[in-house]
C-alpha atoms as a PDB file:
ATOM      1  CA  MET A   1     150.404  85.747 179.279  1.00  0.00           C
ATOM      2  CA  PRO A   2     148.600  84.374 176.195  1.00  0.00           C
ATOM      3  CA  ARG A   3     145.556  82.224 176.857  1.00  0.00           C
ATOM      4  CA  ALA A   4     146.875  78.832 175.608  1.00  0.00           C
ATOM      5  CA  PRO A   5     150.065  78.767 177.726  1.00  0.00           C
ATOM      6  CA  ARG A   6     148.084  79.915 180.778  1.00  0.00           C
ATOM      7  CA  LEU A   7     145.557  77.092 180.261  1.00  0.00           C
ATOM      8  CA  ALA A   8     148.401  74.606 179.849  1.00  0.00           C
ATOM      9  CA  ALA A   9     150.012  75.837 183.079  1.00  0.00           C
ATOM     10  CA  ILE A  10     146.713  75.609 185.000  1.00  0.00           C
ATOM     11  CA  LEU A  11     146.072  72.118 183.609  1.00  0.00           C
ATOM     12  CA  SER A  12     149.595  70.981 184.541  1.00  0.00           C
ATOM     13  CA  VAL A  13     149.236  72.248 188.114  1.00  0.00           C
ATOM     14  CA  THR A  14     145.768  70.692 188.411  1.00  0.00           C
ATOM     15  CA  LEU A  15     147.020  67.302 187.190  1.00  0.00           C
ATOM     16  CA  ALA A  16     150.051  67.478 189.480  1.00  0.00           C
ATOM     17  CA  VAL A  17     147.817  68.131 192.475  1.00  0.00           C
ATOM     18  CA  HIS A  18     144.857  65.967 191.490  1.00  0.00           C
ATOM     19  CA  GLY A  19     144.666  64.255 188.080  1.00  0.00           C
ATOM     20  CA  CYS A  20     142.704  61.160 187.060  1.00  0.00           C
ATOM     21  CA  ALA A  21     142.243  58.515 189.728  1.00  0.00           C
ATOM     22  CA  PHE A  22     143.564  54.961 189.460  1.00  0.00           C
ATOM     23  CA  ALA A  23     142.351  52.037 191.546  1.00  0.00           C
ATOM     24  CA  ALA A  24     144.621  50.461 194.133  1.00  0.00           C
ATOM     25  CA  LYS A  25     146.407  47.479 192.597  1.00  0.00           C
ATOM     26  CA  PRO A  26     146.642  44.118 194.388  1.00  0.00           C
ATOM     27  CA  ILE A  27     150.397  43.852 193.780  1.00  0.00           C
ATOM     28  CA  GLY A  28     150.897  47.162 195.575  1.00  0.00           C
ATOM     29  CA  MET A  29     149.002  45.889 198.613  1.00  0.00           C
ATOM     30  CA  VAL A  30     150.902  42.604 199.094  1.00  0.00           C
ATOM     31  CA  PRO A  31     153.383  42.868 201.966  1.00  0.00           C
ATOM     32  CA  PRO A  32     156.871  41.427 201.509  1.00  0.00           C
ATOM     33  CA  LEU A  33     156.318  38.370 203.711  1.00  0.00           C
ATOM     34  CA  GLN A  34     158.966  35.691 203.951  1.00  0.00           C
ATOM     35  CA  ALA A  35     158.046  32.066 203.413  1.00  0.00           C
ATOM     36  CA  LEU A  36     157.230  30.568 206.792  1.00  0.00           C
ATOM     37  CA  ALA A  37     158.122  27.012 205.855  1.00  0.00           C
ATOM     38  CA  GLY A  38     161.802  26.333 205.602  1.00  0.00           C
ATOM     39  CA  ALA A  39     163.005  29.877 206.244  1.00  0.00           C
ATOM     40  CA  SER A  40     166.632  29.638 207.229  1.00  0.00           C
ATOM     41  CA  LEU A  41     168.696  31.835 209.453  1.00  0.00           C
ATOM     42  CA  PRO A  42     170.941  34.244 207.579  1.00  0.00           C
ATOM     43  CA  SER A  43     174.590  33.374 207.252  1.00  0.00           C
ATOM     44  CA  VAL A  44     177.117  35.611 208.965  1.00  0.00           C
ATOM     45  CA  SER A  45     178.517  36.797 205.631  1.00  0.00           C
ATOM     46  CA  ALA A  46     175.109  37.552 204.039  1.00  0.00           C
ATOM     47  CA  PRO A  47     174.238  41.235 203.730  1.00  0.00           C
ATOM     48  CA  ARG A  48     171.565  42.243 206.249  1.00  0.00           C
ATOM     49  CA  ALA A  49     169.175  43.446 203.534  1.00  0.00           C
ATOM     50  CA  LEU A  50     169.276  40.046 201.811  1.00  0.00           C
ATOM     51  CA  ALA A  51     168.949  37.949 204.972  1.00  0.00           C
ATOM     52  CA  ALA A  52     165.700  36.033 205.421  1.00  0.00           C
ATOM     53  CA  PRO A  53     163.615  37.236 208.379  1.00  0.00           C
ATOM     54  CA  ARG A  54     162.664  34.834 211.180  1.00  0.00           C
ATOM     55  CA  PRO A  55     159.500  32.810 210.474  1.00  0.00           C
ATOM     56  CA  LEU A  56     156.243  34.019 212.051  1.00  0.00           C
ATOM     57  CA  ALA A  57     154.880  30.531 212.808  1.00  0.00           C
ATOM     58  CA  ALA A  58     154.896  26.979 211.531  1.00  0.00           C
ATOM     59  CA  PRO A  59     152.737  26.310 208.457  1.00  0.00           C
ATOM     60  CA  ARG A  60     149.346  24.742 209.105  1.00  0.00           C
ATOM     61  CA  ALA A  61     147.968  21.686 207.367  1.00  0.00           C
ATOM     62  CA  ALA A  62     144.719  23.520 206.608  1.00  0.00           C
ATOM     63  CA  THR A  63     143.172  25.482 203.742  1.00  0.00           C
ATOM     64  CA  ILE A  64     141.447  28.851 203.808  1.00  0.00           C
ATOM     65  CA  ASN A  65     138.978  30.788 201.648  1.00  0.00           C
ATOM     66  CA  VAL A  66     139.146  34.588 201.642  1.00  0.00           C
ATOM     67  CA  LYS A  67     136.113  36.831 201.251  1.00  0.00           C
ATOM     68  CA  THR A  68     136.169  40.610 201.334  1.00  0.00           C
ATOM     69  CA  ALA A  69     133.610  43.348 201.879  1.00  0.00           C
ATOM     70  CA  GLY A  70     133.454  47.116 202.052  1.00  0.00           C
ATOM     71  CA  GLY A  71     135.502  47.833 198.927  1.00  0.00           C
ATOM     72  CA  ALA A  72     134.540  50.416 196.322  1.00  0.00           C
ATOM     73  CA  ALA A  73     135.144  51.089 192.656  1.00  0.00           C
ATOM     74  CA  THR A  74     137.367  54.027 191.732  1.00  0.00           C
ATOM     75  CA  ARG A  75     135.694  56.851 189.819  1.00  0.00           C
ATOM     76  CA  LEU A  76     137.697  58.616 187.109  1.00  0.00           C
ATOM     77  CA  TRP A  77     137.796  61.983 188.897  1.00  0.00           C
ATOM     78  CA  GLY A  78     137.558  60.596 192.430  1.00  0.00           C
ATOM     79  CA  LYS A  79     140.106  59.237 194.853  1.00  0.00           C
ATOM     80  CA  SER A  80     141.914  55.913 194.586  1.00  0.00           C
ATOM     81  CA  GLN A  81     139.742  53.167 196.068  1.00  0.00           C
ATOM     82  CA  ILE A  82     140.269  49.533 197.014  1.00  0.00           C
ATOM     83  CA  SER A  83     137.885  47.108 195.316  1.00  0.00           C
ATOM     84  CA  ASN A  84     136.757  43.891 197.008  1.00  0.00           C
ATOM     85  CA  ASP A  85     138.440  41.843 194.274  1.00  0.00           C
ATOM     86  CA  ALA A  86     141.766  43.684 194.634  1.00  0.00           C
ATOM     87  CA  LEU A  87     141.707  43.336 198.430  1.00  0.00           C
ATOM     88  CA  ALA A  88     140.854  39.612 198.201  1.00  0.00           C
ATOM     89  CA  GLU A  89     143.677  39.017 195.714  1.00  0.00           C
ATOM     90  CA  ALA A  90     146.176  40.868 197.920  1.00  0.00           C
ATOM     91  CA  VAL A  91     145.143  38.959 201.080  1.00  0.00           C
ATOM     92  CA  GLN A  92     145.192  35.608 199.245  1.00  0.00           C
ATOM     93  CA  THR A  93     148.628  36.342 197.793  1.00  0.00           C
ATOM     94  CA  ALA A  94     149.951  37.317 201.220  1.00  0.00           C
ATOM     95  CA  LEU A  95     148.595  34.089 202.731  1.00  0.00           C
ATOM     96  CA  VAL A  96     150.133  31.999 199.934  1.00  0.00           C
ATOM     97  CA  ASP A  97     153.460  33.872 200.227  1.00  0.00           C
ATOM     98  CA  SER A  98     153.485  33.363 203.996  1.00  0.00           C
ATOM     99  CA  GLN A  99     152.771  29.624 203.607  1.00  0.00           C
ATOM    100  CA  LEU A 100     150.604  29.883 206.705  1.00  0.00           C
ATOM    101  CA  PHE A 101     147.883  27.752 205.070  1.00  0.00           C
ATOM    102  CA  LEU A 102     147.952  25.151 202.304  1.00  0.00           C
ATOM    103  CA  PRO A 103     146.868  26.227 198.811  1.00  0.00           C
ATOM    104  CA  LEU A 104     143.210  25.464 198.049  1.00  0.00           C
ATOM    105  CA  VAL A 105     142.837  22.767 195.378  1.00  0.00           C
ATOM    106  CA  ASP A 106     139.416  21.484 194.223  1.00  0.00           C
ATOM    107  CA  ARG A 107     137.799  21.109 197.625  1.00  0.00           C
ATOM    108  CA  ALA A 108     136.068  23.143 200.283  1.00  0.00           C
ATOM    109  CA  ALA A 109     138.409  25.047 202.569  1.00  0.00           C
ATOM    110  CA  ASP A 110     138.854  24.225 206.223  1.00  0.00           C
ATOM    111  CA  TYR A 111     138.527  27.878 207.289  1.00  0.00           C
ATOM    112  CA  GLN A 112     136.792  31.043 206.067  1.00  0.00           C
ATOM    113  CA  LEU A 113     138.502  34.409 206.458  1.00  0.00           C
ATOM    114  CA  VAL A 114     136.444  37.561 205.958  1.00  0.00           C
ATOM    115  CA  VAL A 115     138.335  40.840 205.658  1.00  0.00           C
ATOM    116  CA  ALA A 116     136.036  43.877 205.699  1.00  0.00           C
ATOM    117  CA  LEU A 117     137.341  47.285 204.706  1.00  0.00           C
ATOM    118  CA  GLU A 118     135.613  49.492 207.269  1.00  0.00           C
ATOM    119  CA  GLU A 119     137.132  52.885 206.506  1.00  0.00           C
ATOM    120  CA  VAL A 120     139.532  54.534 204.081  1.00  0.00           C
ATOM    121  CA  GLU A 121     140.478  58.048 205.148  1.00  0.00           C
ATOM    122  CA  GLN A 122     142.155  60.081 202.382  1.00  0.00           C
ATOM    123  CA  PRO A 123     142.957  63.781 202.053  1.00  0.00           C
ATOM    124  CA  ASP A 124     141.368  65.804 199.255  1.00  0.00           C
ATOM    125  CA  TRP A 125     144.773  66.935 197.985  1.00  0.00           C
ATOM    126  CA  GLY A 126     148.274  67.779 199.117  1.00  0.00           C
ATOM    127  CA  VAL A 127     151.961  67.312 198.440  1.00  0.00           C
ATOM    128  CA  VAL A 128     152.148  64.893 201.380  1.00  0.00           C
ATOM    129  CA  THR A 129     149.386  62.292 201.270  1.00  0.00           C
ATOM    130  CA  THR A 130     148.634  60.193 204.340  1.00  0.00           C
ATOM    131  CA  VAL A 131     145.956  57.518 204.012  1.00  0.00           C
ATOM    132  CA  ARG A 132     144.504  55.565 206.924  1.00  0.00           C
ATOM    133  CA  VAL A 133     142.589  52.304 206.547  1.00  0.00           C
ATOM    134  CA  SER A 134     140.653  50.276 209.064  1.00  0.00           C
ATOM    135  CA  THR A 135     139.901  46.598 208.448  1.00  0.00           C
ATOM    136  CA  ARG A 136     137.991  43.954 210.391  1.00  0.00           C
ATOM    137  CA  TRP A 137     139.258  40.368 210.170  1.00  0.00           C
ATOM    138  CA  SER A 138     137.138  37.356 211.107  1.00  0.00           C
ATOM    139  CA  LEU A 139     138.174  33.684 210.935  1.00  0.00           C
ATOM    140  CA  THR A 140     135.622  30.863 211.205  1.00  0.00           C
ATOM    141  CA  LEU A 141     135.754  27.115 210.814  1.00  0.00           C
ATOM    142  CA  THR A 142     133.885  26.160 207.626  1.00  0.00           C
ATOM    143  CA  GLY A 143     130.321  25.112 208.428  1.00  0.00           C
ATOM    144  CA  THR A 144     130.141  27.131 211.639  1.00  0.00           C
ATOM    145  CA  THR A 145     129.069  30.679 212.393  1.00  0.00           C
ATOM    146  CA  GLN A 146     131.001  31.323 215.610  1.00  0.00           C
ATOM    147  CA  PRO A 147     134.265  33.173 214.833  1.00  0.00           C
ATOM    148  CA  LEU A 148     137.468  31.604 216.110  1.00  0.00           C
ATOM    149  CA  TRP A 149     139.203  34.976 215.890  1.00  0.00           C
ATOM    150  CA  THR A 150     138.233  38.561 215.142  1.00  0.00           C
ATOM    151  CA  ASP A 151     140.399  41.655 215.099  1.00  0.00           C
ATOM    152  CA  THR A 152     140.232  45.230 213.898  1.00  0.00           C
ATOM    153  CA  ILE A 153     143.414  46.415 212.255  1.00  0.00           C
ATOM    154  CA  SER A 154     144.133  50.028 211.382  1.00  0.00           C
ATOM    155  CA  ALA A 155     147.150  51.206 209.439  1.00  0.00           C
ATOM    156  CA  GLN A 156     148.424  54.260 207.631  1.00  0.00           C
ATOM    157  CA  HIS A 157     150.956  55.143 204.978  1.00  0.00           C
ATOM    158  CA  THR A 158     152.329  58.442 203.697  1.00  0.00           C
ATOM    159  CA  ALA A 159     153.433  59.216 200.146  1.00  0.00           C
ATOM    160  CA  THR A 160     155.267  62.421 199.222  1.00  0.00           C
ATOM    161  CA  LEU A 161     156.386  64.250 196.088  1.00  0.00           C
ATOM    162  CA  LEU A 162     159.460  62.011 196.118  1.00  0.00           C
ATOM    163  CA  ASP A 163     157.152  59.014 195.591  1.00  0.00           C
ATOM    164  CA  ALA A 164     155.032  60.606 192.847  1.00  0.00           C
ATOM    165  CA  VAL A 165     154.592  64.079 191.383  1.00  0.00           C
ATOM    166  CA  ILE A 166     151.000  63.475 190.253  1.00  0.00           C
ATOM    167  CA  GLY A 167     148.542  63.801 193.147  1.00  0.00           C
ATOM    168  CA  THR A 168     146.336  60.840 192.267  1.00  0.00           C
ATOM    169  CA  ARG A 169     149.366  58.563 191.974  1.00  0.00           C
ATOM    170  CA  ARG A 170     150.486  59.703 195.454  1.00  0.00           C
ATOM    171  CA  CYS A 171     146.987  58.929 196.723  1.00  0.00           C
ATOM    172  CA  ARG A 172     147.062  55.459 195.123  1.00  0.00           C
ATOM    173  CA  LEU A 173     150.530  54.713 196.535  1.00  0.00           C
ATOM    174  CA  ALA A 174     149.487  55.868 200.019  1.00  0.00           C
ATOM    175  CA  THR A 175     146.263  53.822 199.802  1.00  0.00           C
ATOM    176  CA  GLU A 176     148.155  50.706 198.693  1.00  0.00           C
ATOM    177  CA  GLY A 177     150.759  51.269 201.417  1.00  0.00           C
ATOM    178  CA  ALA A 178     148.140  51.560 204.161  1.00  0.00           C
ATOM    179  CA  ALA A 179     146.359  48.414 202.922  1.00  0.00           C
ATOM    180  CA  ARG A 180     149.722  46.604 202.640  1.00  0.00           C
ATOM    181  CA  GLU A 181     150.513  47.384 206.289  1.00  0.00           C
ATOM    182  CA  ALA A 182     147.027  46.284 207.421  1.00  0.00           C
ATOM    183  CA  ILE A 183     147.458  42.991 205.523  1.00  0.00           C
ATOM    184  CA  ARG A 184     150.945  42.468 206.968  1.00  0.00           C
ATOM    185  CA  VAL A 185     149.668  42.971 210.526  1.00  0.00           C
ATOM    186  CA  GLY A 186     146.581  40.836 209.817  1.00  0.00           C
ATOM    187  CA  VAL A 187     148.597  37.878 208.532  1.00  0.00           C
ATOM    188  CA  GLU A 188     151.063  38.229 211.413  1.00  0.00           C
ATOM    189  CA  ARG A 189     148.231  38.212 213.990  1.00  0.00           C
ATOM    190  CA  LEU A 190     146.486  35.357 212.184  1.00  0.00           C
ATOM    191  CA  SER A 191     149.688  33.316 212.451  1.00  0.00           C
ATOM    192  CA  ARG A 192     149.425  33.519 216.257  1.00  0.00           C
ATOM    193  CA  VAL A 193     145.858  32.188 216.417  1.00  0.00           C
ATOM    194  CA  PRO A 194     145.846  28.656 217.867  1.00  0.00           C
ATOM    195  CA  LEU A 195     143.913  26.368 215.521  1.00  0.00           C
END
């Protein structure tokens, strides 16, 4: 085999298995939460896939600030990472979508939520990529230091060749999926906290 085609074949296989890394995107980490306020029961004739799910809890007349920690920047030839900014945007979007708290408008929030990314476990390579994340959630009343609620939430997601041929894209999709599930569970558990 001539040298150029062999190099092209090796490069193609390398990119399919690994490739250049892309950071996890906030939009990929936002769970599909229904609006909690005013969610209606599905009609009998509505298709099941289009029916609105049952609300998690009643909306609260309170505001919340979100802070994140433990995120990392993605290196070009490394693995997909979750930055603090991307995680904060995804959690904030999920909270707004869930209508669990009021939007924050030109005033201090009633509550502070800190979501710390404790661990992101990713494989080095593979055609099936399973990523596990562990997050620690802590809710405090603004101006206090004693948490009202803390919880550790772990989640995982698997991406396969059917999701993406390029290895780094599979890793990003699995990372976003694991974070999305952790955020979904976090918001659901937060909705049950009596405030």
